[in-house]
Structures are given as C-alpha cells and as structure tokens.
C-alpha cells in the first residue's frame, strides 16, 4: 500500500467518527504516520482541552482507525495535556 493510500484510509476512518467529535465541539487533524506505524494526530476544538480526550483517543479514534487499517500499531495525540498543566496549550479553533 502506498503512503497516500494509507493516509486516505486513515482519513476515511476519521471521517466515520468525526460527527461524534464535532457534536461535542471537537475534531482531529491527521499529522503523520511514523515509520513504526503510529498515527500522530492533533486534537482540535474542545477535544484539545477535554479531560476525557485520552479515553476518546483510545476507545474511539484508535479503534476506528485500526478497524479500517489493521496494520496501524497505535495512535498518539501531540497535544493531550492534563487539565491542570500550567504549560497546556489552548486548543486551536476550527476554521
């Protein structure tokens, strides 16, 4: 499978769960797939600051991607922070 085919399949999986994320004011952006088959995402909107983001990432996003692209080993968000982290980034707003 080409890199573009892999990215297209991951986007397809993300599009299946985006309505649920958007219903809560959030979304995700696909950044890259590492050489060791780990998907790197950025959490957008309310997902970037939600205390349930880690659970949503594992139970929702990761499972949806692995269902469509079983060779993916894991999913990481580059911007998950604890709600009380003084270095937390504010989530980007959707355009």
C-alpha atoms as a PDB file:
ATOM      1  CA  UNK A   1       0.000   0.000   0.000  1.00  0.00           C
ATOM      2  CA  UNK A   2       1.362   3.428  -0.899  1.00  0.00           C
ATOM      3  CA  UNK A   3       1.770   6.184   1.675  1.00  0.00           C
ATOM      4  CA  UNK A   4      -1.091   8.119   0.071  1.00  0.00           C
ATOM      5  CA  UNK A   5      -3.379   5.073   0.166  1.00  0.00           C
ATOM      6  CA  UNK A   6      -2.567   4.620   3.846  1.00  0.00           C
ATOM      7  CA  UNK A   7      -3.337   8.280   4.610  1.00  0.00           C
ATOM      8  CA  UNK A   8      -6.577   8.076   2.606  1.00  0.00           C
ATOM      9  CA  UNK A   9      -7.717   5.012   4.575  1.00  0.00           C
ATOM     10  CA  UNK A  10      -6.912   6.724   7.883  1.00  0.00           C
ATOM     11  CA  UNK A  11      -8.859   9.822   6.790  1.00  0.00           C
ATOM     12  CA  UNK A  12     -11.777   7.554   5.866  1.00  0.00           C
ATOM     13  CA  UNK A  13     -11.720   6.051   9.360  1.00  0.00           C
ATOM     14  CA  UNK A  14     -11.521   9.514  10.928  1.00  0.00           C
ATOM     15  CA  UNK A  15     -14.438  10.716   8.805  1.00  0.00           C
ATOM     16  CA  UNK A  16     -16.539   7.902  10.300  1.00  0.00           C
ATOM     17  CA  UNK A  17     -16.068   9.257  13.825  1.00  0.00           C
ATOM     18  CA  UNK A  18     -15.827  12.996  13.109  1.00  0.00           C
ATOM     19  CA  UNK A  19     -19.585  13.587  13.502  1.00  0.00           C
ATOM     20  CA  UNK A  20     -19.347  12.375  17.101  1.00  0.00           C
ATOM     21  CA  UNK A  21     -16.328  14.580  17.844  1.00  0.00           C
ATOM     22  CA  UNK A  22     -17.936  17.574  16.138  1.00  0.00           C
ATOM     23  CA  UNK A  23     -21.139  17.093  18.147  1.00  0.00           C
ATOM     24  CA  UNK A  24     -19.064  17.908  21.234  1.00  0.00           C
ATOM     25  CA  UNK A  25     -17.239  20.825  19.581  1.00  0.00           C
ATOM     26  CA  UNK A  26     -14.070  18.920  18.688  1.00  0.00           C
ATOM     27  CA  UNK A  27     -12.228  17.307  15.826  1.00  0.00           C
ATOM     28  CA  UNK A  28      -8.885  15.729  14.941  1.00  0.00           C
ATOM     29  CA  UNK A  29      -6.250  16.521  12.340  1.00  0.00           C
ATOM     30  CA  UNK A  30      -4.017  13.810  10.871  1.00  0.00           C
ATOM     31  CA  UNK A  31      -0.406  14.963  11.076  1.00  0.00           C
ATOM     32  CA  UNK A  32       1.642  11.921  10.076  1.00  0.00           C
ATOM     33  CA  UNK A  33       2.159   8.205  10.284  1.00  0.00           C
ATOM     34  CA  UNK A  34       5.525   7.273  11.769  1.00  0.00           C
ATOM     35  CA  UNK A  35       7.786   4.581  10.341  1.00  0.00           C
ATOM     36  CA  UNK A  36       6.677   2.273  13.155  1.00  0.00           C
ATOM     37  CA  UNK A  37       3.019   2.673  12.046  1.00  0.00           C
ATOM     38  CA  UNK A  38       1.862   5.057  14.780  1.00  0.00           C
ATOM     39  CA  UNK A  39      -0.665   7.689  13.721  1.00  0.00           C
ATOM     40  CA  UNK A  40       0.023  11.181  15.089  1.00  0.00           C
ATOM     41  CA  UNK A  41      -2.985  13.449  15.470  1.00  0.00           C
ATOM     42  CA  UNK A  42      -3.707  16.923  16.738  1.00  0.00           C
ATOM     43  CA  UNK A  43      -6.833  17.323  18.836  1.00  0.00           C
ATOM     44  CA  UNK A  44      -8.832  20.373  17.771  1.00  0.00           C
ATOM     45  CA  UNK A  45     -11.550  22.457  19.376  1.00  0.00           C
ATOM     46  CA  UNK A  46     -12.883  21.178  22.675  1.00  0.00           C
ATOM     47  CA  UNK A  47     -11.027  17.862  22.210  1.00  0.00           C
ATOM     48  CA  UNK A  48      -7.757  19.633  22.997  1.00  0.00           C
ATOM     49  CA  UNK A  49      -8.858  20.547  26.496  1.00  0.00           C
ATOM     50  CA  UNK A  50     -11.380  17.834  27.361  1.00  0.00           C
ATOM     51  CA  UNK A  51     -10.441  15.683  30.370  1.00  0.00           C
ATOM     52  CA  UNK A  52     -11.888  12.659  28.507  1.00  0.00           C
ATOM     53  CA  UNK A  53      -9.607  13.130  25.473  1.00  0.00           C
ATOM     54  CA  UNK A  54      -7.337  10.224  26.370  1.00  0.00           C
ATOM     55  CA  UNK A  55     -10.267   7.837  26.623  1.00  0.00           C
ATOM     56  CA  UNK A  56     -11.824   9.169  23.404  1.00  0.00           C
ATOM     57  CA  UNK A  57      -8.491   8.769  21.640  1.00  0.00           C
ATOM     58  CA  UNK A  58      -8.073   5.141  22.718  1.00  0.00           C
ATOM     59  CA  UNK A  59     -11.654   3.851  22.697  1.00  0.00           C
ATOM     60  CA  UNK A  60     -12.930   5.854  19.748  1.00  0.00           C
ATOM     61  CA  UNK A  61     -10.287   7.185  17.409  1.00  0.00           C
ATOM     62  CA  UNK A  62      -7.694   4.410  17.710  1.00  0.00           C
ATOM     63  CA  UNK A  63     -10.281   1.633  17.412  1.00  0.00           C
ATOM     64  CA  UNK A  64     -11.890   3.278  14.363  1.00  0.00           C
ATOM     65  CA  UNK A  65      -8.528   3.587  12.623  1.00  0.00           C
ATOM     66  CA  UNK A  66      -7.414   0.043  13.467  1.00  0.00           C
ATOM     67  CA  UNK A  67     -10.708  -1.343  12.147  1.00  0.00           C
ATOM     68  CA  UNK A  68     -10.021   0.198   8.719  1.00  0.00           C
ATOM     69  CA  UNK A  69      -6.208  -0.026   8.771  1.00  0.00           C
ATOM     70  CA  UNK A  70      -5.233  -3.023  10.950  1.00  0.00           C
ATOM     71  CA  UNK A  71      -1.502  -2.542  10.358  1.00  0.00           C
ATOM     72  CA  UNK A  72      -1.571   0.632  12.483  1.00  0.00           C
ATOM     73  CA  UNK A  73       0.112  -0.083  15.833  1.00  0.00           C
ATOM     74  CA  UNK A  74      -1.216   2.887  17.791  1.00  0.00           C
ATOM     75  CA  UNK A  75      -2.474   6.448  17.827  1.00  0.00           C
ATOM     76  CA  UNK A  76      -0.914   9.398  19.649  1.00  0.00           C
ATOM     77  CA  UNK A  77      -2.141  12.924  20.105  1.00  0.00           C
ATOM     78  CA  UNK A  78       0.596  15.524  20.128  1.00  0.00           C
ATOM     79  CA  UNK A  79      -1.368  17.907  22.319  1.00  0.00           C
ATOM     80  CA  UNK A  80      -3.022  15.933  25.131  1.00  0.00           C
ATOM     81  CA  UNK A  81      -2.319  17.712  28.383  1.00  0.00           C
ATOM     82  CA  UNK A  82      -3.638  17.378  31.893  1.00  0.00           C
ATOM     83  CA  UNK A  83      -6.309  19.983  32.699  1.00  0.00           C
ATOM     84  CA  UNK A  84      -4.154  21.430  35.496  1.00  0.00           C
ATOM     85  CA  UNK A  85      -0.913  21.510  33.442  1.00  0.00           C
ATOM     86  CA  UNK A  86       0.448  25.093  33.613  1.00  0.00           C
ATOM     87  CA  UNK A  87       2.124  24.553  30.196  1.00  0.00           C
ATOM     88  CA  UNK A  88      -1.038  23.380  28.468  1.00  0.00           C
ATOM     89  CA  UNK A  89      -1.654  24.749  25.010  1.00  0.00           C
ATOM     90  CA  UNK A  90      -5.044  26.166  24.232  1.00  0.00           C
ATOM     91  CA  UNK A  91      -6.763  24.135  21.535  1.00  0.00           C
ATOM     92  CA  UNK A  92      -6.905  25.660  18.076  1.00  0.00           C
ATOM     93  CA  UNK A  93     -10.303  26.735  16.889  1.00  0.00           C
ATOM     94  CA  UNK A  94     -11.866  25.187  13.823  1.00  0.00           C
ATOM     95  CA  UNK A  95     -11.849  27.283  10.665  1.00  0.00           C
END
